[in-house]
Amino acid sequence: MPKSFLMVGGSSDIAIVTANRLLDEGNCVTLLARDVSRVEELAAKGAKVIEGDALDQEAVLAAIDEAISM
Protein backbone atom coordinates (compact mmCIF):
# COMPACT_ATOMS: atom_id res chain seq x y z
CA MET A 1 0.00 0.00 0.00
CA PRO A 2 1.51 3.37 -0.97
CA LYS A 3 2.30 5.89 1.70
CA SER A 4 1.75 9.64 1.49
CA PHE A 5 4.66 12.01 2.06
CA LEU A 6 4.73 15.79 2.46
CA MET A 7 8.01 17.50 1.71
CA VAL A 8 8.45 21.10 2.82
CA GLY A 9 11.25 22.75 0.87
CA GLY A 10 10.29 20.58 -2.08
CA SER A 11 12.43 22.40 -4.63
CA SER A 12 15.70 21.78 -2.77
CA ASP A 13 18.20 19.37 -4.29
CA ILE A 14 17.78 16.79 -1.53
CA ALA A 15 13.99 16.96 -1.72
CA ILE A 16 14.04 16.44 -5.49
CA VAL A 17 16.22 13.33 -5.17
CA THR A 18 14.15 11.97 -2.30
CA ALA A 19 10.82 12.68 -4.01
CA ASN A 20 12.00 10.94 -7.18
CA ARG A 21 12.86 7.84 -5.18
CA LEU A 22 9.55 7.89 -3.29
CA LEU A 23 7.57 8.27 -6.52
CA ASP A 24 9.55 5.46 -8.18
CA GLU A 25 8.61 3.24 -5.23
CA GLY A 26 4.91 3.98 -5.87
CA ASN A 27 4.32 6.42 -3.01
CA CYS A 28 2.26 9.62 -3.07
CA VAL A 29 4.26 12.82 -2.72
CA THR A 30 3.15 16.37 -2.02
CA LEU A 31 5.73 19.12 -2.35
CA LEU A 32 5.59 22.58 -0.81
CA ALA A 33 7.99 24.49 -3.03
CA ARG A 34 8.91 28.12 -3.56
CA ASP A 35 10.38 27.44 -7.02
CA VAL A 36 7.84 25.25 -8.81
CA SER A 37 9.83 25.35 -12.03
CA ARG A 38 12.40 23.07 -10.35
CA VAL A 39 9.80 20.38 -9.66
CA GLU A 40 7.97 20.22 -13.00
CA GLU A 41 9.45 16.78 -13.70
CA LEU A 42 8.15 15.52 -10.35
CA ALA A 43 4.70 16.93 -11.08
CA ALA A 44 4.75 15.08 -14.39
CA LYS A 45 5.52 11.88 -12.45
CA GLY A 46 2.47 12.44 -10.25
CA ALA A 47 3.65 14.59 -7.36
CA LYS A 48 1.23 17.23 -6.14
CA VAL A 49 2.91 20.63 -5.99
CA ILE A 50 1.84 23.50 -3.77
CA GLU A 51 3.61 26.78 -4.43
CA GLY A 52 4.58 28.54 -1.24
CA ASP A 53 6.99 29.15 1.58
CA ALA A 54 7.24 27.22 4.84
CA LEU A 55 6.65 30.48 6.73
CA ASP A 56 3.29 31.00 4.98
CA GLN A 57 0.66 29.36 7.17
CA GLU A 58 -1.93 29.17 4.39
CA ALA A 59 0.49 27.45 2.02
CA VAL A 60 1.53 24.95 4.68
CA LEU A 61 -2.08 24.15 5.54
CA ALA A 62 -2.91 23.72 1.83
CA ALA A 63 0.01 21.31 1.45
CA ILE A 64 -1.10 19.33 4.51
CA ASP A 65 -4.66 19.14 3.19
CA GLU A 66 -3.38 17.89 -0.17
CA ALA A 67 -1.10 15.29 1.41
CA ILE A 68 -3.79 13.80 3.64
CA SER A 69 -6.29 13.62 0.78
CA MET A 70 -4.03 11.37 -1.29
C-alpha atoms as a PDB file:
ATOM      1  CA  MET A   1       0.000   0.000   0.000  1.00  0.00           C
ATOM      2  CA  PRO A   2       1.507   3.366  -0.975  1.00  0.00           C
ATOM      3  CA  LYS A   3       2.299   5.891   1.703  1.00  0.00           C
ATOM      4  CA  SER A   4       1.755   9.636   1.489  1.00  0.00           C
ATOM      5  CA  PHE A   5       4.665  12.014   2.064  1.00  0.00           C
ATOM      6  CA  LEU A   6       4.727  15.785   2.458  1.00  0.00           C
ATOM      7  CA  MET A   7       8.011  17.502   1.710  1.00  0.00           C
ATOM      8  CA  VAL A   8       8.451  21.097   2.817  1.00  0.00           C
ATOM      9  CA  GLY A   9      11.247  22.751   0.865  1.00  0.00           C
ATOM     10  CA  GLY A  10      10.294  20.577  -2.077  1.00  0.00           C
ATOM     11  CA  SER A  11      12.426  22.404  -4.635  1.00  0.00           C
ATOM     12  CA  SER A  12      15.697  21.785  -2.773  1.00  0.00           C
ATOM     13  CA  ASP A  13      18.204  19.374  -4.287  1.00  0.00           C
ATOM     14  CA  ILE A  14      17.777  16.791  -1.526  1.00  0.00           C
ATOM     15  CA  ALA A  15      13.985  16.957  -1.724  1.00  0.00           C
ATOM     16  CA  ILE A  16      14.040  16.437  -5.492  1.00  0.00           C
ATOM     17  CA  VAL A  17      16.218  13.329  -5.174  1.00  0.00           C
ATOM     18  CA  THR A  18      14.145  11.969  -2.298  1.00  0.00           C
ATOM     19  CA  ALA A  19      10.815  12.683  -4.006  1.00  0.00           C
ATOM     20  CA  ASN A  20      12.000  10.937  -7.183  1.00  0.00           C
ATOM     21  CA  ARG A  21      12.862   7.840  -5.177  1.00  0.00           C
ATOM     22  CA  LEU A  22       9.553   7.889  -3.288  1.00  0.00           C
ATOM     23  CA  LEU A  23       7.570   8.266  -6.523  1.00  0.00           C
ATOM     24  CA  ASP A  24       9.550   5.464  -8.181  1.00  0.00           C
ATOM     25  CA  GLU A  25       8.605   3.243  -5.231  1.00  0.00           C
ATOM     26  CA  GLY A  26       4.914   3.984  -5.867  1.00  0.00           C
ATOM     27  CA  ASN A  27       4.320   6.419  -3.014  1.00  0.00           C
ATOM     28  CA  CYS A  28       2.261   9.616  -3.066  1.00  0.00           C
ATOM     29  CA  VAL A  29       4.263  12.820  -2.724  1.00  0.00           C
ATOM     30  CA  THR A  30       3.146  16.368  -2.020  1.00  0.00           C
ATOM     31  CA  LEU A  31       5.733  19.121  -2.348  1.00  0.00           C
ATOM     32  CA  LEU A  32       5.594  22.578  -0.808  1.00  0.00           C
ATOM     33  CA  ALA A  33       7.992  24.486  -3.029  1.00  0.00           C
ATOM     34  CA  ARG A  34       8.907  28.116  -3.565  1.00  0.00           C
ATOM     35  CA  ASP A  35      10.378  27.439  -7.017  1.00  0.00           C
ATOM     36  CA  VAL A  36       7.838  25.253  -8.805  1.00  0.00           C
ATOM     37  CA  SER A  37       9.831  25.348 -12.034  1.00  0.00           C
ATOM     38  CA  ARG A  38      12.399  23.073 -10.347  1.00  0.00           C
ATOM     39  CA  VAL A  39       9.802  20.377  -9.664  1.00  0.00           C
ATOM     40  CA  GLU A  40       7.975  20.225 -12.996  1.00  0.00           C
ATOM     41  CA  GLU A  41       9.446  16.781 -13.696  1.00  0.00           C
ATOM     42  CA  LEU A  42       8.153  15.521 -10.352  1.00  0.00           C
ATOM     43  CA  ALA A  43       4.702  16.932 -11.081  1.00  0.00           C
ATOM     44  CA  ALA A  44       4.749  15.076 -14.394  1.00  0.00           C
ATOM     45  CA  LYS A  45       5.517  11.877 -12.449  1.00  0.00           C
ATOM     46  CA  GLY A  46       2.468  12.440 -10.252  1.00  0.00           C
ATOM     47  CA  ALA A  47       3.651  14.587  -7.359  1.00  0.00           C
ATOM     48  CA  LYS A  48       1.226  17.228  -6.144  1.00  0.00           C
ATOM     49  CA  VAL A  49       2.910  20.626  -5.989  1.00  0.00           C
ATOM     50  CA  ILE A  50       1.838  23.503  -3.775  1.00  0.00           C
ATOM     51  CA  GLU A  51       3.614  26.783  -4.430  1.00  0.00           C
ATOM     52  CA  GLY A  52       4.581  28.539  -1.242  1.00  0.00           C
ATOM     53  CA  ASP A  53       6.988  29.146   1.584  1.00  0.00           C
ATOM     54  CA  ALA A  54       7.242  27.220   4.842  1.00  0.00           C
ATOM     55  CA  LEU A  55       6.649  30.485   6.725  1.00  0.00           C
ATOM     56  CA  ASP A  56       3.292  31.003   4.977  1.00  0.00           C
ATOM     57  CA  GLN A  57       0.663  29.364   7.174  1.00  0.00           C
ATOM     58  CA  GLU A  58      -1.932  29.167   4.394  1.00  0.00           C
ATOM     59  CA  ALA A  59       0.489  27.454   2.018  1.00  0.00           C
ATOM     60  CA  VAL A  60       1.534  24.949   4.684  1.00  0.00           C
ATOM     61  CA  LEU A  61      -2.082  24.150   5.536  1.00  0.00           C
ATOM     62  CA  ALA A  62      -2.910  23.718   1.833  1.00  0.00           C
ATOM     63  CA  ALA A  63       0.012  21.308   1.451  1.00  0.00           C
ATOM     64  CA  ILE A  64      -1.097  19.334   4.511  1.00  0.00           C
ATOM     65  CA  ASP A  65      -4.664  19.137   3.191  1.00  0.00           C
ATOM     66  CA  GLU A  66      -3.383  17.885  -0.166  1.00  0.00           C
ATOM     67  CA  ALA A  67      -1.100  15.289   1.412  1.00  0.00           C
ATOM     68  CA  ILE A  68      -3.791  13.804   3.643  1.00  0.00           C
ATOM     69  CA  SER A  69      -6.291  13.625   0.777  1.00  0.00           C
ATOM     70  CA  MET A  70      -4.034  11.367  -1.287  1.00  0.00           C
END
